Amino acid sequence: MPAGQAGIVTEKLAKLDEHIAGLKVELGTASLQGALNGPTSSEQARAYQLADQLRHAEEDRDLLVRALSTAEEQELARKTRLAAEDRASKNRAFSQHASRWQKAVVDLMDNAAKVQAAFDRALSAATAMEALTPWSHPARSTIIENISDDELRGLVAVEFEKLGRGSATGFWAWPSRIVEFERREDGFVPSLETVAAERATIIKSLFAGGSSIAPASEDGGTREPVAQGVDAVATPAIRTPSEVIDLRSVSAAEPHTEAEPSEGTETAADVEQAIPASPPAAAAGDLDVLRKRLAAELEASVAVGDTEPAEGAEAPDQPDVAVEAVSPIPAPAPAVSDTDTMEASRQRTAELSALANRASI
């Protein structure tokens, strides 16, 4: 049965109930009049007629009740069928959306792999550029900063947030440096391609401008650079390992100020006169001996400066160091006071350092 017939049957049943109720009232009145006037009266005949109508109306009502029950069952079956069809339709739609979601996630995976691969290639190129940029390059720090991994991550984050601004469901939900690139007038943000092109141009120009810096001269400085692309900045060149100052002595290239020897203290010239000339082959051995002598002198100076011998006690013996091909160096004169002793020790140390430096040269 078409949908809505249960409502029609219900409406007819309601009207029939009203009609039956009226027939019952009228039949009661006619029955009373027929009983009073006798069986042959017209009121009695009217009562029979009303009773027959009431019986047919009740039979009709029974039929309508059955019809209503059938209509309701069919309506329920129809709704159940429609619900099943709707459920099946939604299942098909849900399955299709799930497939689309899965495909989109796979695309994200593929694109994430592409992003990682591109990031690896960019860092590989950055490592090569860093290796090609010498330590003495004036713009080395600027170049490395512009191609570092953190800088590249920041640029990619800006691009993600820029794309998210134009979408209702932006992917990037973390802070970025987009305000550094945003134009104040209209909020325009350049693309990552544009930013990368500008950065590449800048670092090329910086590298070309500093590549013409002359190597360090013998005195440790730099010659006048020739500008290429951008103005080259003359900076002191980093010394090579052979040019590093020997920490064991004062550099021969730097002027050494001789302190005035105190009374009773031997000078470097006196020490040189006391040491006979050695053949070139023994220079290394002499240097080792002088180092030992210097260590012994320093230990003796510290011992003398820290402790003052008691009255009547003997002064500590100076360590005897075997010297090969070098005459013994006389011990310093007895100190008058602690201050004079420390000053003499420092003077002695400077003289021995100068002597060791000359021997090494």
Protein backbone atom coordinates (compact mmCIF):
# COMPACT_ATOMS: atom_id res chain seq x y z
CA MET A 1 0.00 0.00 0.00
CA PRO A 2 1.27 3.48 -0.80
CA ALA A 3 2.57 5.53 2.07
CA GLY A 4 -0.10 7.59 3.87
CA GLN A 5 -2.97 5.12 3.59
CA ALA A 6 -2.84 4.39 7.30
CA GLY A 7 -3.73 8.00 7.89
CA ILE A 8 -6.67 7.81 5.52
CA VAL A 9 -8.00 4.70 7.22
CA THR A 10 -7.59 6.33 10.61
CA GLU A 11 -9.62 9.33 9.44
CA LYS A 12 -12.45 7.11 8.10
CA LEU A 13 -12.44 5.12 11.30
CA ALA A 14 -12.86 8.28 13.34
CA LYS A 15 -15.87 9.39 11.24
CA LEU A 16 -17.43 5.93 11.49
CA ASP A 17 -17.08 6.00 15.25
CA GLU A 18 -19.01 9.27 15.35
CA HIS A 19 -21.73 7.77 13.13
CA ILE A 20 -21.99 4.67 15.31
CA ALA A 21 -22.28 6.81 18.41
CA GLY A 22 -25.19 8.76 16.80
CA LEU A 23 -26.92 5.55 15.72
CA LYS A 24 -26.74 4.19 19.24
CA VAL A 25 -28.38 7.32 20.66
CA GLU A 26 -31.10 7.34 18.00
CA LEU A 27 -31.68 3.58 18.35
CA GLY A 28 -32.18 3.98 22.07
CA THR A 29 -34.85 6.66 21.59
CA ALA A 30 -36.66 4.66 18.82
CA SER A 31 -36.56 1.51 20.92
CA LEU A 32 -38.20 3.31 23.82
CA GLN A 33 -40.95 4.80 21.62
CA GLY A 34 -41.60 1.40 19.92
CA ALA A 35 -41.87 -0.30 23.29
CA LEU A 36 -44.42 2.29 24.43
CA ASN A 37 -46.50 2.35 21.27
CA GLY A 38 -46.50 -1.40 20.52
CA PRO A 39 -44.87 -3.71 18.03
CA THR A 40 -46.95 -2.49 15.09
CA SER A 41 -46.14 1.14 15.58
CA SER A 42 -43.93 3.13 13.25
CA GLU A 43 -41.54 3.84 16.11
CA GLN A 44 -40.95 0.09 16.48
CA ALA A 45 -40.26 -0.29 12.76
CA ARG A 46 -37.85 2.69 13.01
CA ALA A 47 -36.07 0.98 15.88
CA TYR A 48 -35.52 -2.18 13.77
CA GLN A 49 -34.18 -0.10 10.93
CA LEU A 50 -31.73 1.76 13.20
CA ALA A 51 -30.57 -1.51 14.75
CA ASP A 52 -29.82 -2.89 11.28
CA GLN A 53 -27.83 0.28 10.40
CA LEU A 54 -25.89 0.07 13.64
CA ARG A 55 -24.97 -3.54 12.96
CA HIS A 56 -23.66 -2.69 9.47
CA ALA A 57 -21.74 0.33 10.88
CA GLU A 58 -20.06 -1.86 13.48
CA GLU A 59 -19.17 -4.40 10.79
CA ASP A 60 -17.67 -1.56 8.74
CA ARG A 61 -15.76 -0.45 11.78
CA ASP A 62 -14.29 -3.94 12.23
CA LEU A 63 -13.16 -3.86 8.61
CA LEU A 64 -11.57 -0.42 9.06
CA VAL A 65 -9.74 -1.60 12.16
CA ARG A 66 -8.31 -4.52 10.23
CA ALA A 67 -7.45 -2.20 7.35
CA LEU A 68 -5.68 0.18 9.75
CA SER A 69 -3.65 -2.64 11.24
CA THR A 70 -2.58 -3.80 7.79
CA ALA A 71 -1.75 -0.24 6.74
CA GLU A 72 0.40 0.27 9.82
CA GLU A 73 2.27 -2.98 9.24
CA GLN A 74 2.92 -2.08 5.63
CA GLU A 75 4.00 1.43 6.63
CA LEU A 76 6.42 -0.04 9.13
CA ALA A 77 7.76 -2.43 6.53
CA ARG A 78 8.15 0.44 4.08
CA LYS A 79 10.04 2.54 6.63
CA THR A 80 12.23 -0.41 7.51
CA ARG A 81 13.04 -0.95 3.86
CA LEU A 82 13.77 2.74 3.36
CA ALA A 83 16.00 2.77 6.46
CA ALA A 84 17.90 -0.24 5.16
CA GLU A 85 18.34 1.39 1.79
CA ASP A 86 19.47 4.62 3.45
CA ARG A 87 21.90 2.72 5.61
CA ALA A 88 23.31 0.89 2.62
CA SER A 89 23.66 4.18 0.76
CA LYS A 90 25.48 5.77 3.69
CA ASN A 91 27.75 2.75 3.97
CA ARG A 92 28.69 3.08 0.32
CA ALA A 93 29.31 6.81 0.73
CA PHE A 94 31.36 6.26 3.91
CA SER A 95 33.42 3.58 2.21
CA GLN A 96 34.13 5.92 -0.70
CA HIS A 97 35.19 8.74 1.65
CA ALA A 98 37.40 6.33 3.60
CA SER A 99 39.08 5.30 0.35
CA ARG A 100 39.61 8.94 -0.58
CA TRP A 101 41.07 9.63 2.88
CA GLN A 102 43.40 6.66 2.59
CA LYS A 103 44.55 7.82 -0.83
CA ALA A 104 45.12 11.36 0.48
CA VAL A 105 47.18 10.03 3.39
CA VAL A 106 49.25 7.97 0.97
CA ASP A 107 49.77 11.14 -1.08
CA LEU A 108 50.90 12.88 2.11
CA MET A 109 53.31 10.04 2.74
CA ASP A 110 54.71 10.28 -0.78
CA ASN A 111 54.97 14.05 -0.56
CA ALA A 112 56.56 13.83 2.89
CA ALA A 113 59.14 11.45 1.43
CA LYS A 114 59.72 13.93 -1.38
CA VAL A 115 60.10 16.75 1.16
CA GLN A 116 62.61 14.70 3.15
CA ALA A 117 64.53 13.77 0.00
CA ALA A 118 64.59 17.41 -1.12
CA PHE A 119 65.70 18.44 2.37
CA ASP A 120 68.54 15.88 2.22
CA ARG A 121 69.65 17.19 -1.18
CA ALA A 122 69.55 20.77 0.04
CA LEU A 123 71.66 19.95 3.10
CA SER A 124 74.09 17.97 0.94
CA ALA A 125 74.54 21.03 -1.25
CA ALA A 126 74.87 23.22 1.84
CA THR A 127 77.59 20.94 3.22
CA ALA A 128 79.46 21.17 -0.07
CA MET A 129 79.19 24.98 -0.04
CA GLU A 130 80.40 25.11 3.55
CA ALA A 131 83.40 22.95 2.64
CA LEU A 132 84.25 25.25 -0.28
CA THR A 133 84.07 28.37 1.89
CA PRO A 134 87.47 28.90 3.58
CA TRP A 135 87.70 29.79 7.24
CA SER A 136 89.34 33.09 6.31
CA HIS A 137 86.37 34.14 4.16
CA PRO A 138 84.89 37.36 5.62
CA ALA A 139 81.29 36.28 4.91
CA ARG A 140 81.66 32.63 5.97
CA SER A 141 79.37 32.93 8.99
CA THR A 142 76.70 34.75 6.96
CA ILE A 143 76.79 32.15 4.18
CA ILE A 144 76.59 29.20 6.58
CA GLU A 145 73.76 30.81 8.55
CA ASN A 146 71.69 31.30 5.38
CA ILE A 147 72.08 27.65 4.28
CA SER A 148 71.88 25.92 7.68
CA ASP A 149 69.37 23.15 8.40
CA ASP A 150 67.50 25.23 11.01
CA GLU A 151 67.18 28.13 8.58
CA LEU A 152 65.79 25.82 5.89
CA ARG A 153 63.28 24.32 8.34
CA GLY A 154 62.15 27.83 9.22
CA LEU A 155 61.62 28.72 5.56
CA VAL A 156 59.59 25.54 4.97
CA ALA A 157 57.47 26.34 8.05
CA VAL A 158 56.76 29.81 6.62
CA GLU A 159 55.65 28.23 3.33
CA PHE A 160 53.35 25.79 5.14
CA GLU A 161 51.73 28.55 7.17
CA LYS A 162 51.33 30.67 4.04
CA LEU A 163 49.50 27.80 2.33
CA GLY A 164 47.38 27.29 5.45
CA ARG A 165 46.17 30.88 5.34
CA GLY A 166 44.45 30.20 2.04
CA SER A 167 42.76 27.02 3.27
CA ALA A 168 39.92 26.37 5.69
CA THR A 169 41.87 23.43 7.10
CA GLY A 170 45.47 24.61 7.26
CA PHE A 171 48.04 21.89 7.88
CA TRP A 172 50.63 23.97 9.76
CA ALA A 173 49.47 24.69 13.33
CA TRP A 174 52.81 25.67 14.91
CA PRO A 175 54.59 29.04 15.24
CA SER A 176 56.67 30.25 12.32
CA ARG A 177 58.62 33.33 11.20
CA ILE A 178 56.03 34.39 8.66
CA VAL A 179 55.86 37.92 10.07
CA GLU A 180 59.48 38.42 8.98
CA PHE A 181 58.48 37.91 5.36
CA GLU A 182 55.00 39.45 5.42
CA ARG A 183 54.57 42.74 3.61
CA ARG A 184 52.99 45.35 5.88
CA GLU A 185 50.90 47.02 3.18
CA ASP A 186 48.80 44.06 2.09
CA GLY A 187 50.09 41.05 4.04
CA PHE A 188 51.66 39.48 0.95
CA VAL A 189 54.14 36.68 1.69
CA PRO A 190 56.58 35.67 -1.08
CA SER A 191 56.74 32.04 -2.07
CA LEU A 192 59.52 29.74 -0.94
CA GLU A 193 60.79 29.62 -4.52
CA THR A 194 61.24 33.39 -4.54
CA VAL A 195 62.94 33.42 -1.15
CA ALA A 196 65.28 30.60 -2.16
CA ALA A 197 66.22 32.39 -5.37
CA GLU A 198 67.03 35.56 -3.44
CA ARG A 199 69.07 33.65 -0.87
CA ALA A 200 71.01 31.83 -3.59
CA THR A 201 71.82 35.13 -5.31
CA ILE A 202 73.00 36.67 -2.04
CA ILE A 203 75.29 33.82 -1.01
CA LYS A 204 76.74 33.57 -4.53
CA SER A 205 77.55 37.26 -4.42
CA LEU A 206 79.01 36.99 -0.92
CA PHE A 207 81.16 34.02 -1.86
CA ALA A 208 82.39 35.64 -5.08
CA GLY A 209 83.16 38.87 -3.26
CA GLY A 210 85.33 37.18 -0.65
CA SER A 211 87.03 34.60 -2.88
CA SER A 212 89.59 37.12 -4.13
CA ILE A 213 91.13 37.74 -0.69
CA ALA A 214 94.88 37.27 -0.93
CA PRO A 215 96.60 34.64 1.21
CA ALA A 216 98.23 35.68 4.45
CA SER A 217 101.61 37.33 4.11
CA GLU A 218 104.66 36.29 6.05
CA ASP A 219 103.92 38.78 8.82
CA GLY A 220 100.47 37.22 9.43
CA GLY A 221 98.38 39.95 7.76
CA THR A 222 96.57 40.05 4.42
CA ARG A 223 97.26 41.87 1.22
CA GLU A 224 94.75 44.28 -0.28
CA PRO A 225 91.81 42.26 -1.71
CA VAL A 226 90.45 42.75 -5.19
CA ALA A 227 86.67 43.35 -5.10
CA GLN A 228 84.57 40.89 -7.10
CA GLY A 229 80.80 41.20 -7.06
CA VAL A 230 80.66 42.83 -3.60
CA ASP A 231 83.16 44.81 -1.58
CA ALA A 232 85.72 42.47 -0.09
CA VAL A 233 86.68 43.07 3.49
CA ALA A 234 90.32 42.69 4.49
CA THR A 235 90.52 40.62 7.64
CA PRO A 236 93.52 39.04 9.32
CA ALA A 237 94.11 35.61 7.90
CA ILE A 238 94.02 32.57 10.16
CA ARG A 239 97.55 31.35 10.80
CA THR A 240 98.61 27.95 9.51
CA PRO A 241 99.85 25.34 12.02
CA SER A 242 103.47 26.24 11.14
CA GLU A 243 102.77 29.87 11.97
CA VAL A 244 101.24 29.25 15.42
CA ILE A 245 103.31 30.74 18.20
CA ASP A 246 105.30 28.13 20.11
CA LEU A 247 103.93 28.19 23.68
CA ARG A 248 107.27 26.95 25.02
CA SER A 249 108.96 30.29 24.40
CA VAL A 250 108.42 33.83 23.25
CA SER A 251 108.14 34.17 19.48
CA ALA A 252 111.34 35.31 17.86
CA ALA A 253 109.33 37.57 15.56
CA GLU A 254 107.98 39.57 18.52
CA PRO A 255 110.32 42.04 20.28
CA HIS A 256 111.53 40.89 23.70
CA THR A 257 112.23 43.50 26.33
CA GLU A 258 115.18 42.56 28.49
CA ALA A 259 114.65 43.45 32.15
CA GLU A 260 117.47 45.07 34.07
CA PRO A 261 119.38 42.32 35.88
CA SER A 262 119.49 42.64 39.63
CA GLU A 263 122.69 42.54 41.56
CA GLY A 264 124.08 39.06 41.83
CA THR A 265 121.97 37.74 38.91
CA GLU A 266 123.54 36.43 35.73
CA THR A 267 122.39 37.78 32.39
CA ALA A 268 121.65 35.83 29.22
CA ALA A 269 124.97 36.97 27.74
CA ASP A 270 126.84 35.51 30.72
CA VAL A 271 124.97 32.24 30.30
CA GLU A 272 125.78 32.14 26.58
CA GLN A 273 129.45 32.67 27.33
CA ALA A 274 129.34 29.82 29.87
CA ILE A 275 127.84 27.42 27.27
CA PRO A 276 130.33 26.28 24.63
CA ALA A 277 129.29 26.10 21.00
CA SER A 278 127.76 22.75 20.09
CA PRO A 279 127.70 21.13 16.69
CA PRO A 280 124.40 21.38 14.75
CA ALA A 281 123.68 17.71 15.31
CA ALA A 282 123.47 18.21 19.07
CA ALA A 283 120.98 21.12 18.89
CA ALA A 284 117.99 18.94 19.75
CA GLY A 285 119.78 17.36 22.72
CA ASP A 286 120.86 20.75 24.00
CA LEU A 287 117.30 21.99 23.80
CA ASP A 288 116.06 19.05 25.89
CA VAL A 289 118.77 19.69 28.46
CA LEU A 290 117.82 23.33 28.62
CA ARG A 291 114.19 22.40 29.15
CA LYS A 292 115.20 20.16 32.07
CA ARG A 293 117.35 22.92 33.46
CA LEU A 294 114.45 25.37 33.15
CA ALA A 295 112.11 22.98 35.01
CA ALA A 296 114.68 22.52 37.78
CA GLU A 297 115.16 26.28 38.10
CA LEU A 298 111.39 26.85 38.31
CA GLU A 299 110.99 24.20 41.03
CA ALA A 300 113.89 25.67 42.99
CA SER A 301 112.45 29.20 42.65
CA VAL A 302 109.04 28.08 43.93
CA ALA A 303 110.63 26.24 46.85
CA VAL A 304 112.74 29.27 47.81
CA GLY A 305 109.80 31.71 47.48
CA ASP A 306 107.31 29.62 49.47
CA THR A 307 109.47 28.53 52.42
CA GLU A 308 112.03 30.57 54.31
CA PRO A 309 114.77 28.43 55.97
CA ALA A 310 114.99 28.69 59.73
CA GLU A 311 117.94 30.43 61.36
CA GLY A 312 120.93 28.11 61.40
CA ALA A 313 119.33 25.61 59.00
CA GLU A 314 121.01 24.67 55.76
CA ALA A 315 119.47 25.83 52.49
CA PRO A 316 117.95 23.08 50.33
CA ASP A 317 120.28 21.60 47.79
CA GLN A 318 119.68 22.50 44.19
CA PRO A 319 118.84 19.48 41.98
CA ASP A 320 121.74 18.25 39.97
CA VAL A 321 120.82 17.73 36.33
CA ALA A 322 123.19 15.96 34.00
CA VAL A 323 124.03 18.16 31.05
CA GLU A 324 125.47 16.72 27.91
CA ALA A 325 127.76 18.95 25.86
CA VAL A 326 126.68 21.95 28.00
CA SER A 327 128.63 23.45 30.89
CA PRO A 328 126.81 23.71 34.21
CA ILE A 329 124.94 26.96 34.67
CA PRO A 330 125.93 28.69 37.90
CA ALA A 331 123.19 28.88 40.52
CA PRO A 332 121.71 32.30 41.24
CA ALA A 333 123.06 34.35 44.10
CA PRO A 334 121.36 34.00 47.50
CA ALA A 335 118.22 36.08 47.77
CA VAL A 336 118.18 39.05 50.10
CA SER A 337 114.39 38.90 50.65
CA ASP A 338 111.30 37.03 49.41
CA THR A 339 110.43 39.84 46.97
CA ASP A 340 113.93 39.95 45.54
CA THR A 341 113.95 36.17 45.29
CA MET A 342 110.72 36.04 43.25
CA GLU A 343 111.90 38.88 41.00
CA ALA A 344 115.20 37.13 40.38
CA SER A 345 113.35 33.88 39.63
CA ARG A 346 111.11 35.54 37.05
CA GLN A 347 114.16 37.25 35.47
CA ARG A 348 115.96 33.92 35.40
CA THR A 349 112.98 32.22 33.76
CA ALA A 350 112.79 34.88 31.01
CA GLU A 351 116.51 34.57 30.28
CA LEU A 352 116.37 30.77 30.10
CA SER A 353 113.32 30.98 27.79
CA ALA A 354 115.15 33.34 25.46
CA LEU A 355 118.19 31.06 25.51
CA ALA A 356 116.05 27.99 24.74
CA ASN A 357 114.39 29.84 21.85
CA ARG A 358 117.76 30.75 20.33
CA ALA A 359 118.95 27.18 20.69
CA SER A 360 115.84 25.87 18.92
CA ILE A 361 116.34 28.35 16.03
